[in-house]
């Protein structure tokens, strides 16, 4: 059975028809107006209609960037879209006017499920996915089942507090992990370094077009051997690794998967992440150690994961 997966972001909607092997058969994208909830809903309906016209579809999965209710119907809170207790499944179903089953899932959960089913996590039963972009998202698979929690909002690992009274987070707390282990944190550190020692950041500034330092410029400069950029990625890796060790103390995953844009740094990020993870791992030397690998599914993970979760159905796939 084919299913449609829709990955909804703050600036775009990406959707695709996915077969049972996780292959995308057709794909389209639309820009969104992040200030208008009705516009986003209409955009989702539009892409699903367009794809359904060419393929027979048995289920629809919607990956949303926010907290999703336990019945997989409502977006409780979405920081980057004007959704508060937003009945997304109901709105899309009404717009489509069909009886095709619709499942709403957190976007990191969808990406994690794609990696577990079809990507780098295919050989394990227990896995942590970290999506490291503007923020830090997470997905947990335990015993082959996606962990959603009692209220649907499990695996928000980016909001574990790692620094008491640390940086203010968008969630309203201070010191959340994502304030230190994210693309935003990387850029903040680079700009602070440039303000204090401009001569040390010349290459990153050049690669950013002469203005404020941007994330991809840090990775490119590091790949060229720029000392400051290399040290910034190493510091990011330290935060990722130490936080992952804390999760491992609780859940003991066999694999930690690093996804998101910062993965482009490759070993410049992975090596310090692995070193920090092992350095902070409890009972090291007396327990097996999780592997840490880059995600394999890329930008298609949300589409594939949402479609597969919709195809399997909530009772079959989700704990």
C-alpha atoms as a PDB file:
ATOM      1  CA  UNK A   1       0.000   0.000   0.000  1.00  0.00           C
ATOM      2  CA  UNK A   2       1.283   3.426  -0.947  1.00  0.00           C
ATOM      3  CA  UNK A   3       1.141   6.168   1.660  1.00  0.00           C
ATOM      4  CA  UNK A   4       1.729   9.904   1.525  1.00  0.00           C
ATOM      5  CA  UNK A   5       4.115  11.524   3.941  1.00  0.00           C
ATOM      6  CA  UNK A   6       4.028  15.282   4.510  1.00  0.00           C
ATOM      7  CA  UNK A   7       6.893  17.044   6.297  1.00  0.00           C
ATOM      8  CA  UNK A   8       5.594  20.411   7.526  1.00  0.00           C
ATOM      9  CA  UNK A   9       8.130  23.119   8.354  1.00  0.00           C
ATOM     10  CA  UNK A  10       8.069  26.767   9.223  1.00  0.00           C
ATOM     11  CA  UNK A  11       8.854  27.831   5.654  1.00  0.00           C
ATOM     12  CA  UNK A  12       7.973  24.869   3.448  1.00  0.00           C
ATOM     13  CA  UNK A  13       5.910  21.731   3.037  1.00  0.00           C
ATOM     14  CA  UNK A  14       7.564  18.682   1.470  1.00  0.00           C
ATOM     15  CA  UNK A  15       5.427  15.687   0.547  1.00  0.00           C
ATOM     16  CA  UNK A  16       5.901  12.393  -1.211  1.00  0.00           C
ATOM     17  CA  UNK A  17       4.281   9.099  -2.136  1.00  0.00           C
ATOM     18  CA  UNK A  18       6.159   6.312  -0.354  1.00  0.00           C
ATOM     19  CA  UNK A  19       6.022   2.572  -1.005  1.00  0.00           C
ATOM     20  CA  UNK A  20       6.351  -0.211   1.560  1.00  0.00           C
ATOM     21  CA  UNK A  21      10.150  -0.312   1.175  1.00  0.00           C
ATOM     22  CA  UNK A  22      10.587   3.338   2.074  1.00  0.00           C
ATOM     23  CA  UNK A  23      11.146   4.510  -1.499  1.00  0.00           C
ATOM     24  CA  UNK A  24       9.746   7.887  -2.547  1.00  0.00           C
ATOM     25  CA  UNK A  25       7.912   7.467  -5.845  1.00  0.00           C
ATOM     26  CA  UNK A  26       6.895  11.106  -6.339  1.00  0.00           C
ATOM     27  CA  UNK A  27       7.671  14.267  -4.411  1.00  0.00           C
ATOM     28  CA  UNK A  28       6.584  17.925  -4.357  1.00  0.00           C
ATOM     29  CA  UNK A  29       7.313  21.008  -2.240  1.00  0.00           C
ATOM     30  CA  UNK A  30       5.406  24.181  -1.405  1.00  0.00           C
ATOM     31  CA  UNK A  31       6.374  27.349   0.429  1.00  0.00           C
ATOM     32  CA  UNK A  32       4.334  28.199   3.525  1.00  0.00           C
ATOM     33  CA  UNK A  33       3.336  31.357   5.312  1.00  0.00           C
ATOM     34  CA  UNK A  34       4.376  30.614   8.879  1.00  0.00           C
ATOM     35  CA  UNK A  35       2.143  33.383  10.213  1.00  0.00           C
ATOM     36  CA  UNK A  36      -1.100  31.930   8.833  1.00  0.00           C
ATOM     37  CA  UNK A  37      -2.363  28.598  10.194  1.00  0.00           C
ATOM     38  CA  UNK A  38      -5.123  28.352   7.584  1.00  0.00           C
ATOM     39  CA  UNK A  39      -2.594  28.810   4.795  1.00  0.00           C
ATOM     40  CA  UNK A  40      -0.471  25.953   6.126  1.00  0.00           C
ATOM     41  CA  UNK A  41      -3.508  23.674   6.405  1.00  0.00           C
ATOM     42  CA  UNK A  42      -4.528  24.551   2.846  1.00  0.00           C
ATOM     43  CA  UNK A  43      -1.006  23.844   1.624  1.00  0.00           C
ATOM     44  CA  UNK A  44      -1.059  20.380   3.156  1.00  0.00           C
ATOM     45  CA  UNK A  45      -4.417  19.635   1.540  1.00  0.00           C
ATOM     46  CA  UNK A  46      -3.113  20.882  -1.812  1.00  0.00           C
ATOM     47  CA  UNK A  47      -0.016  18.669  -1.900  1.00  0.00           C
ATOM     48  CA  UNK A  48      -1.945  15.592  -0.766  1.00  0.00           C
ATOM     49  CA  UNK A  49      -4.583  16.124  -3.463  1.00  0.00           C
ATOM     50  CA  UNK A  50      -1.937  16.550  -6.151  1.00  0.00           C
ATOM     51  CA  UNK A  51      -0.113  13.361  -5.192  1.00  0.00           C
ATOM     52  CA  UNK A  52      -3.330  11.367  -4.715  1.00  0.00           C
ATOM     53  CA  UNK A  53      -4.396  12.196  -8.268  1.00  0.00           C
ATOM     54  CA  UNK A  54      -1.592  10.051  -9.680  1.00  0.00           C
ATOM     55  CA  UNK A  55      -1.356   7.267  -7.077  1.00  0.00           C
ATOM     56  CA  UNK A  56      -3.737   5.081  -5.114  1.00  0.00           C
ATOM     57  CA  UNK A  57      -3.074   6.015  -1.489  1.00  0.00           C
ATOM     58  CA  UNK A  58      -4.179   4.100   1.602  1.00  0.00           C
ATOM     59  CA  UNK A  59      -2.870   6.336   4.403  1.00  0.00           C
ATOM     60  CA  UNK A  60      -1.539   9.840   5.033  1.00  0.00           C
ATOM     61  CA  UNK A  61       1.107  10.795   7.584  1.00  0.00           C
ATOM     62  CA  UNK A  62       1.681  14.396   8.658  1.00  0.00           C
ATOM     63  CA  UNK A  63       5.000  15.244  10.358  1.00  0.00           C
ATOM     64  CA  UNK A  64       4.595  18.427  12.408  1.00  0.00           C
ATOM     65  CA  UNK A  65       7.324  20.416  14.191  1.00  0.00           C
ATOM     66  CA  UNK A  66       5.825  20.471  17.665  1.00  0.00           C
ATOM     67  CA  UNK A  67       4.148  18.585  20.488  1.00  0.00           C
ATOM     68  CA  UNK A  68       1.548  16.141  19.145  1.00  0.00           C
ATOM     69  CA  UNK A  69      -1.311  14.688  21.191  1.00  0.00           C
ATOM     70  CA  UNK A  70      -1.297  11.032  22.194  1.00  0.00           C
ATOM     71  CA  UNK A  71      -4.144  10.228  19.782  1.00  0.00           C
ATOM     72  CA  UNK A  72      -2.012  11.598  16.899  1.00  0.00           C
ATOM     73  CA  UNK A  73      -4.592  14.142  15.800  1.00  0.00           C
ATOM     74  CA  UNK A  74      -3.768  17.526  17.353  1.00  0.00           C
ATOM     75  CA  UNK A  75      -0.680  19.737  17.432  1.00  0.00           C
ATOM     76  CA  UNK A  76      -0.601  20.897  21.040  1.00  0.00           C
ATOM     77  CA  UNK A  77       2.153  23.468  20.528  1.00  0.00           C
ATOM     78  CA  UNK A  78       4.329  24.416  17.576  1.00  0.00           C
ATOM     79  CA  UNK A  79       6.996  27.086  18.208  1.00  0.00           C
ATOM     80  CA  UNK A  80       7.517  27.918  14.530  1.00  0.00           C
ATOM     81  CA  UNK A  81       3.886  27.936  13.382  1.00  0.00           C
ATOM     82  CA  UNK A  82       0.774  29.561  14.905  1.00  0.00           C
ATOM     83  CA  UNK A  83      -0.613  26.236  16.107  1.00  0.00           C
ATOM     84  CA  UNK A  84      -1.933  25.926  19.659  1.00  0.00           C
ATOM     85  CA  UNK A  85      -4.227  22.938  20.283  1.00  0.00           C
ATOM     86  CA  UNK A  86      -4.575  22.831  16.527  1.00  0.00           C
ATOM     87  CA  UNK A  87      -6.799  19.986  15.208  1.00  0.00           C
ATOM     88  CA  UNK A  88      -4.582  19.262  12.220  1.00  0.00           C
ATOM     89  CA  UNK A  89      -5.983  15.828  11.363  1.00  0.00           C
ATOM     90  CA  UNK A  90      -9.553  17.138  11.434  1.00  0.00           C
ATOM     91  CA  UNK A  91      -8.704  20.179   9.305  1.00  0.00           C
ATOM     92  CA  UNK A  92      -6.877  18.161   6.653  1.00  0.00           C
ATOM     93  CA  UNK A  93      -9.547  15.443   6.571  1.00  0.00           C
ATOM     94  CA  UNK A  94     -12.245  18.076   6.066  1.00  0.00           C
ATOM     95  CA  UNK A  95     -10.264  19.698   3.280  1.00  0.00           C
ATOM     96  CA  UNK A  96      -9.708  16.401   1.480  1.00  0.00           C
ATOM     97  CA  UNK A  97     -13.239  15.080   1.969  1.00  0.00           C
ATOM     98  CA  UNK A  98     -12.084  11.449   1.859  1.00  0.00           C
ATOM     99  CA  UNK A  99     -12.010   8.622   4.371  1.00  0.00           C
ATOM    100  CA  UNK A 100      -8.293   7.906   4.029  1.00  0.00           C
ATOM    101  CA  UNK A 101      -6.741   7.420   7.507  1.00  0.00           C
ATOM    102  CA  UNK A 102      -4.571  10.322   8.657  1.00  0.00           C
ATOM    103  CA  UNK A 103      -1.890  10.175  11.365  1.00  0.00           C
ATOM    104  CA  UNK A 104      -0.162  13.251  12.816  1.00  0.00           C
ATOM    105  CA  UNK A 105       3.336  12.712  14.234  1.00  0.00           C
ATOM    106  CA  UNK A 106       6.140  14.849  15.619  1.00  0.00           C
ATOM    107  CA  UNK A 107       8.670  15.528  12.851  1.00  0.00           C
ATOM    108  CA  UNK A 108      11.679  14.224  14.801  1.00  0.00           C
ATOM    109  CA  UNK A 109       9.769  11.039  15.617  1.00  0.00           C
ATOM    110  CA  UNK A 110       8.988  10.608  11.928  1.00  0.00           C
ATOM    111  CA  UNK A 111      12.639  11.096  10.972  1.00  0.00           C
ATOM    112  CA  UNK A 112      13.760   8.689  13.693  1.00  0.00           C
ATOM    113  CA  UNK A 113      11.313   6.049  12.541  1.00  0.00           C
ATOM    114  CA  UNK A 114      12.598   6.368   8.963  1.00  0.00           C
ATOM    115  CA  UNK A 115      16.182   5.835  10.137  1.00  0.00           C
ATOM    116  CA  UNK A 116      15.111   2.863  12.241  1.00  0.00           C
ATOM    117  CA  UNK A 117      13.121   1.190   9.491  1.00  0.00           C
ATOM    118  CA  UNK A 118      15.109   2.031   6.374  1.00  0.00           C
ATOM    119  CA  UNK A 119      18.303   3.868   7.330  1.00  0.00           C
ATOM    120  CA  UNK A 120      21.309   3.499   9.573  1.00  0.00           C
ATOM    121  CA  UNK A 121      19.255   1.971  12.413  1.00  0.00           C
ATOM    122  CA  UNK A 122      17.969  -1.070  10.544  1.00  0.00           C
ATOM    123  CA  UNK A 123      20.182  -3.498  12.504  1.00  0.00           C
ATOM    124  CA  UNK A 124      19.215  -2.366  16.053  1.00  0.00           C
ATOM    125  CA  UNK A 125      16.143  -2.459  18.285  1.00  0.00           C
ATOM    126  CA  UNK A 126      17.099   0.436  20.592  1.00  0.00           C
ATOM    127  CA  UNK A 127      18.104   3.783  19.082  1.00  0.00           C
ATOM    128  CA  UNK A 128      18.327   7.492  19.844  1.00  0.00           C
ATOM    129  CA  UNK A 129      18.041   9.979  16.984  1.00  0.00           C
ATOM    130  CA  UNK A 130      19.178  13.569  17.467  1.00  0.00           C
ATOM    131  CA  UNK A 131      18.091  16.078  14.813  1.00  0.00           C
ATOM    132  CA  UNK A 132      20.520  18.939  15.175  1.00  0.00           C
ATOM    133  CA  UNK A 133      19.337  21.983  13.289  1.00  0.00           C
ATOM    134  CA  UNK A 134      18.104  25.316  14.572  1.00  0.00           C
ATOM    135  CA  UNK A 135      17.133  23.438  17.727  1.00  0.00           C
ATOM    136  CA  UNK A 136      17.651  19.895  18.979  1.00  0.00           C
ATOM    137  CA  UNK A 137      14.953  17.339  18.348  1.00  0.00           C
ATOM    138  CA  UNK A 138      14.933  13.728  19.452  1.00  0.00           C
ATOM    139  CA  UNK A 139      13.332  10.378  18.751  1.00  0.00           C
ATOM    140  CA  UNK A 140      13.608   7.184  20.761  1.00  0.00           C
ATOM    141  CA  UNK A 141      13.035   3.617  19.637  1.00  0.00           C
ATOM    142  CA  UNK A 142      13.049   1.066  22.466  1.00  0.00           C
ATOM    143  CA  UNK A 143      12.502  -2.618  21.818  1.00  0.00           C
ATOM    144  CA  UNK A 144      11.584  -1.848  18.216  1.00  0.00           C
ATOM    145  CA  UNK A 145       8.809   0.563  19.168  1.00  0.00           C
ATOM    146  CA  UNK A 146       8.699   4.321  18.896  1.00  0.00           C
ATOM    147  CA  UNK A 147       8.431   5.867  22.355  1.00  0.00           C
ATOM    148  CA  UNK A 148       5.710   8.518  22.507  1.00  0.00           C
ATOM    149  CA  UNK A 149       4.900   8.608  26.208  1.00  0.00           C
ATOM    150  CA  UNK A 150       1.629   8.893  28.088  1.00  0.00           C
ATOM    151  CA  UNK A 151       0.655  12.192  26.447  1.00  0.00           C
ATOM    152  CA  UNK A 152       2.460  11.956  23.104  1.00  0.00           C
ATOM    153  CA  UNK A 153       5.337  14.299  23.946  1.00  0.00           C
ATOM    154  CA  UNK A 154       8.165  11.936  24.909  1.00  0.00           C
ATOM    155  CA  UNK A 155      11.724  12.232  23.528  1.00  0.00           C
ATOM    156  CA  UNK A 156      11.929  16.022  23.764  1.00  0.00           C
ATOM    157  CA  UNK A 157      15.550  15.536  24.770  1.00  0.00           C
ATOM    158  CA  UNK A 158      16.529  19.021  23.620  1.00  0.00           C
ATOM    159  CA  UNK A 159      14.718  20.370  26.660  1.00  0.00           C
ATOM    160  CA  UNK A 160      16.607  18.393  29.266  1.00  0.00           C
ATOM    161  CA  UNK A 161      18.275  21.022  31.445  1.00  0.00           C
ATOM    162  CA  UNK A 162      22.046  20.670  31.340  1.00  0.00           C
ATOM    163  CA  UNK A 163      23.137  24.075  32.689  1.00  0.00           C
ATOM    164  CA  UNK A 164      21.197  25.466  35.666  1.00  0.00           C
ATOM    165  CA  UNK A 165      20.439  29.154  35.019  1.00  0.00           C
ATOM    166  CA  UNK A 166      22.009  28.837  31.559  1.00  0.00           C
ATOM    167  CA  UNK A 167      20.909  30.371  28.267  1.00  0.00           C
ATOM    168  CA  UNK A 168      17.200  31.159  27.932  1.00  0.00           C
ATOM    169  CA  UNK A 169      15.414  28.629  25.736  1.00  0.00           C
ATOM    170  CA  UNK A 170      12.386  29.192  23.538  1.00  0.00           C
ATOM    171  CA  UNK A 171      10.445  26.823  25.804  1.00  0.00           C
ATOM    172  CA  UNK A 172      10.749  29.364  28.626  1.00  0.00           C
ATOM    173  CA  UNK A 173      13.329  27.514  30.725  1.00  0.00           C
ATOM    174  CA  UNK A 174      17.027  28.250  31.116  1.00  0.00           C
ATOM    175  CA  UNK A 175      19.876  25.893  30.293  1.00  0.00           C
ATOM    176  CA  UNK A 176      18.177  23.389  27.980  1.00  0.00           C
ATOM    177  CA  UNK A 177      20.427  20.995  26.065  1.00  0.00           C
ATOM    178  CA  UNK A 178      19.450  22.498  22.708  1.00  0.00           C
ATOM    179  CA  UNK A 179      20.892  25.841  23.784  1.00  0.00           C
ATOM    180  CA  UNK A 180      24.326  24.184  23.692  1.00  0.00           C
ATOM    181  CA  UNK A 181      23.939  21.345  21.183  1.00  0.00           C
ATOM    182  CA  UNK A 182      22.305  22.874  18.107  1.00  0.00           C
ATOM    183  CA  UNK A 183      23.017  24.864  14.984  1.00  0.00           C
ATOM    184  CA  UNK A 184      21.822  27.997  16.739  1.00  0.00           C
ATOM    185  CA  UNK A 185      24.275  27.372  19.580  1.00  0.00           C
ATOM    186  CA  UNK A 186      27.106  26.836  17.110  1.00  0.00           C
ATOM    187  CA  UNK A 187      26.389  30.137  15.343  1.00  0.00           C
ATOM    188  CA  UNK A 188      26.031  31.996  18.655  1.00  0.00           C
ATOM    189  CA  UNK A 189      29.446  30.757  19.774  1.00  0.00           C
ATOM    190  CA  UNK A 190      31.020  31.712  16.458  1.00  0.00           C
ATOM    191  CA  UNK A 191      29.589  35.222  16.537  1.00  0.00           C
ATOM    192  CA  UNK A 192      30.719  35.703  20.131  1.00  0.00           C
ATOM    193  CA  UNK A 193      34.242  34.623  19.179  1.00  0.00           C
ATOM    194  CA  UNK A 194      34.216  36.974  16.190  1.00  0.00           C
ATOM    195  CA  UNK A 195      33.136  39.892  18.372  1.00  0.00           C
ATOM    196  CA  UNK A 196      35.915  39.236  20.885  1.00  0.00           C
ATOM    197  CA  UNK A 197      38.686  38.353  18.413  1.00  0.00           C
ATOM    198  CA  UNK A 198      37.681  39.461  14.898  1.00  0.00           C
ATOM    199  CA  UNK A 199      40.986  38.370  13.374  1.00  0.00           C
ATOM    200  CA  UNK A 200      40.303  34.759  14.391  1.00  0.00           C
ATOM    201  CA  UNK A 201      37.037  34.641  12.440  1.00  0.00           C
ATOM    202  CA  UNK A 202      38.111  36.261   9.164  1.00  0.00           C
ATOM    203  CA  UNK A 203      37.542  33.162   7.038  1.00  0.00           C
ATOM    204  CA  UNK A 204      34.104  32.394   8.484  1.00  0.00           C
ATOM    205  CA  UNK A 205      33.062  36.012   7.919  1.00  0.00           C
ATOM    206  CA  UNK A 206      34.299  35.862   4.313  1.00  0.00           C
ATOM    207  CA  UNK A 207      32.351  32.651   3.689  1.00  0.00           C
ATOM    208  CA  UNK A 208      29.256  34.319   5.124  1.00  0.00           C
ATOM    209  CA  UNK A 209      29.443  37.104   2.548  1.00  0.00           C
ATOM    210  CA  UNK A 210      31.107  39.586   4.853  1.00  0.00           C
ATOM    211  CA  UNK A 211      28.177  39.799   7.263  1.00  0.00           C
ATOM    212  CA  UNK A 212      27.145  37.840  10.331  1.00  0.00           C
ATOM    213  CA  UNK A 213      28.561  34.332  10.504  1.00  0.00           C
ATOM    214  CA  UNK A 214      26.229  31.588   9.253  1.00  0.00           C
ATOM    215  CA  UNK A 215      26.229  27.905  10.099  1.00  0.00           C
ATOM    216  CA  UNK A 216      27.372  26.476   6.736  1.00  0.00           C
ATOM    217  CA  UNK A 217      30.320  28.888   6.731  1.00  0.00           C
ATOM    218  CA  UNK A 218      31.564  27.365  10.001  1.00  0.00           C
ATOM    219  CA  UNK A 219      31.508  23.867   8.516  1.00  0.00           C
ATOM    220  CA  UNK A 220      33.233  24.965   5.303  1.00  0.00           C
ATOM    221  CA  UNK A 221      35.929  26.873   7.198  1.00  0.00           C
ATOM    222  CA  UNK A 222      36.539  23.872   9.441  1.00  0.00           C
ATOM    223  CA  UNK A 223      36.888  21.599   6.416  1.00  0.00           C
ATOM    224  CA  UNK A 224      39.516  24.021   5.137  1.00  0.00           C
ATOM    225  CA  UNK A 225      41.378  23.694   8.433  1.00  0.00           C
ATOM    226  CA  UNK A 226      40.417  27.003  10.063  1.00  0.00           C
ATOM    227  CA  UNK A 227      41.440  26.572  13.729  1.00  0.00           C
ATOM    228  CA  UNK A 228      38.545  28.490  15.260  1.00  0.00           C
ATOM    229  CA  UNK A 229      35.932  26.709  13.157  1.00  0.00           C
ATOM    230  CA  UNK A 230      37.449  23.325  14.028  1.00  0.00           C
ATOM    231  CA  UNK A 231      37.363  24.179  17.736  1.00  0.00           C
ATOM    232  CA  UNK A 232      33.756  25.378  17.510  1.00  0.00           C
ATOM    233  CA  UNK A 233      32.632  22.076  15.982  1.00  0.00           C
ATOM    234  CA  UNK A 234      34.628  20.195  18.607  1.00  0.00           C
ATOM    235  CA  UNK A 235      32.839  22.115  21.358  1.00  0.00           C
ATOM    236  CA  UNK A 236      29.481  21.357  19.766  1.00  0.00           C
ATOM    237  CA  UNK A 237      30.478  17.694  19.579  1.00  0.00           C
ATOM    238  CA  UNK A 238      31.371  17.728  23.269  1.00  0.00           C
ATOM    239  CA  UNK A 239      27.912  18.945  24.194  1.00  0.00           C
ATOM    240  CA  UNK A 240      26.257  16.383  21.922  1.00  0.00           C
ATOM    241  CA  UNK A 241      28.353  13.528  23.257  1.00  0.00           C
ATOM    242  CA  UNK A 242      28.003  14.339  26.944  1.00  0.00           C
ATOM    243  CA  UNK A 243      24.243  14.800  26.643  1.00  0.00           C
ATOM    244  CA  UNK A 244      23.942  11.523  24.732  1.00  0.00           C
ATOM    245  CA  UNK A 245      25.756   9.770  27.579  1.00  0.00           C
ATOM    246  CA  UNK A 246      23.104  11.065  29.978  1.00  0.00           C
ATOM    247  CA  UNK A 247      20.369   9.620  27.765  1.00  0.00           C
ATOM    248  CA  UNK A 248      22.322   6.347  27.561  1.00  0.00           C
ATOM    249  CA  UNK A 249      22.359   6.120  31.358  1.00  0.00           C
ATOM    250  CA  UNK A 250      18.576   6.023  31.272  1.00  0.00           C
ATOM    251  CA  UNK A 251      17.759   4.118  28.071  1.00  0.00           C
ATOM    252  CA  UNK A 252      20.912   2.232  26.976  1.00  0.00           C
ATOM    253  CA  UNK A 253      20.557   2.605  23.176  1.00  0.00           C
ATOM    254  CA  UNK A 254      22.682   0.503  20.843  1.00  0.00           C
ATOM    255  CA  UNK A 255      22.971   3.413  18.417  1.00  0.00           C
ATOM    256  CA  UNK A 256      22.929   7.205  18.519  1.00  0.00           C
ATOM    257  CA  UNK A 257      22.088   8.740  15.148  1.00  0.00           C
ATOM    258  CA  UNK A 258      23.094  12.317  14.360  1.00  0.00           C
ATOM    259  CA  UNK A 259      20.815  14.021  11.850  1.00  0.00           C
ATOM    260  CA  UNK A 260      20.218  17.589  10.744  1.00  0.00           C
ATOM    261  CA  UNK A 261      22.308  20.130   8.890  1.00  0.00           C
ATOM    262  CA  UNK A 262      25.387  19.966  11.121  1.00  0.00           C
ATOM    263  CA  UNK A 263      25.976  16.402   9.954  1.00  0.00           C
ATOM    264  CA  UNK A 264      27.676  17.919   6.902  1.00  0.00           C
ATOM    265  CA  UNK A 265      30.737  18.408   9.115  1.00  0.00           C
ATOM    266  CA  UNK A 266      31.285  14.622   9.176  1.00  0.00           C
ATOM    267  CA  UNK A 267      34.191  13.456  11.310  1.00  0.00           C
ATOM    268  CA  UNK A 268      34.934  17.012  12.426  1.00  0.00           C
ATOM    269  CA  UNK A 269      31.767  16.653  14.500  1.00  0.00           C
ATOM    270  CA  UNK A 270      31.572  12.886  14.977  1.00  0.00           C
ATOM    271  CA  UNK A 271      35.033  12.350  16.446  1.00  0.00           C
ATOM    272  CA  UNK A 272      34.658  14.860  19.314  1.00  0.00           C
ATOM    273  CA  UNK A 273      31.086  13.624  19.853  1.00  0.00           C
ATOM    274  CA  UNK A 274      32.245  10.033  20.217  1.00  0.00           C
ATOM    275  CA  UNK A 275      35.121  11.017  22.511  1.00  0.00           C
ATOM    276  CA  UNK A 276      32.848  13.070  24.779  1.00  0.00           C
ATOM    277  CA  UNK A 277      30.237  10.322  24.853  1.00  0.00           C
ATOM    278  CA  UNK A 278      32.751   7.725  25.985  1.00  0.00           C
ATOM    279  CA  UNK A 279      34.296  10.118  28.482  1.00  0.00           C
ATOM    280  CA  UNK A 280      30.911  10.724  30.145  1.00  0.00           C
ATOM    281  CA  UNK A 281      29.513   7.184  29.865  1.00  0.00           C
ATOM    282  CA  UNK A 282      28.776   5.605  33.225  1.00  0.00           C
ATOM    283  CA  UNK A 283      30.449   2.259  33.981  1.00  0.00           C
ATOM    284  CA  UNK A 284      32.588   2.497  30.884  1.00  0.00           C
ATOM    285  CA  UNK A 285      34.672  -0.629  30.427  1.00  0.00           C
ATOM    286  CA  UNK A 286      32.025  -2.796  32.040  1.00  0.00           C
ATOM    287  CA  UNK A 287      29.239  -2.345  29.492  1.00  0.00           C
ATOM    288  CA  UNK A 288      28.820  -2.350  25.696  1.00  0.00           C
ATOM    289  CA  UNK A 289      29.158   1.092  24.142  1.00  0.00           C
ATOM    290  CA  UNK A 290      26.642   2.569  21.715  1.00  0.00           C
ATOM    291  CA  UNK A 291      27.735   3.403  18.187  1.00  0.00           C
ATOM    292  CA  UNK A 292      27.378   7.005  17.040  1.00  0.00           C
ATOM    293  CA  UNK A 293      26.670   7.412  13.315  1.00  0.00           C
ATOM    294  CA  UNK A 294      25.398  10.012  10.885  1.00  0.00           C
ATOM    295  CA  UNK A 295      21.826   9.702   9.630  1.00  0.00           C
ATOM    296  CA  UNK A 296      21.413   8.098   6.216  1.00  0.00           C
ATOM    297  CA  UNK A 297      17.993   9.333   5.065  1.00  0.00           C
ATOM    298  CA  UNK A 298      18.810  13.025   4.684  1.00  0.00           C
ATOM    299  CA  UNK A 299      16.027  15.531   4.077  1.00  0.00           C
ATOM    300  CA  UNK A 300      13.626  12.765   3.025  1.00  0.00           C
ATOM    301  CA  UNK A 301      13.456  11.196   6.488  1.00  0.00           C
ATOM    302  CA  UNK A 302      10.380  13.108   7.655  1.00  0.00           C
ATOM    303  CA  UNK A 303       8.403  12.202   4.543  1.00  0.00           C
ATOM    304  CA  UNK A 304       9.357   8.524   4.655  1.00  0.00           C
ATOM    305  CA  UNK A 305       8.829   8.155   8.392  1.00  0.00           C
ATOM    306  CA  UNK A 306       5.454   9.889   8.423  1.00  0.00           C
ATOM    307  CA  UNK A 307       4.216   7.782   5.529  1.00  0.00           C
ATOM    308  CA  UNK A 308       5.408   4.534   7.102  1.00  0.00           C
ATOM    309  CA  UNK A 309       3.863   5.320  10.485  1.00  0.00           C
ATOM    310  CA  UNK A 310       0.570   6.119   8.781  1.00  0.00           C
ATOM    311  CA  UNK A 311       0.709   2.872   6.806  1.00  0.00           C
ATOM    312  CA  UNK A 312       1.436   0.745   9.865  1.00  0.00           C
ATOM    313  CA  UNK A 313      -1.157   2.497  12.019  1.00  0.00           C
ATOM    314  CA  UNK A 314      -0.717   3.766  15.589  1.00  0.00           C
ATOM    315  CA  UNK A 315      -1.465   0.477  17.329  1.00  0.00           C
ATOM    316  CA  UNK A 316       1.027  -1.460  15.213  1.00  0.00           C
ATOM    317  CA  UNK A 317       3.993   0.902  15.346  1.00  0.00           C
ATOM    318  CA  UNK A 318       3.818   3.183  18.326  1.00  0.00           C
ATOM    319  CA  UNK A 319       4.261   2.446  22.002  1.00  0.00           C
END
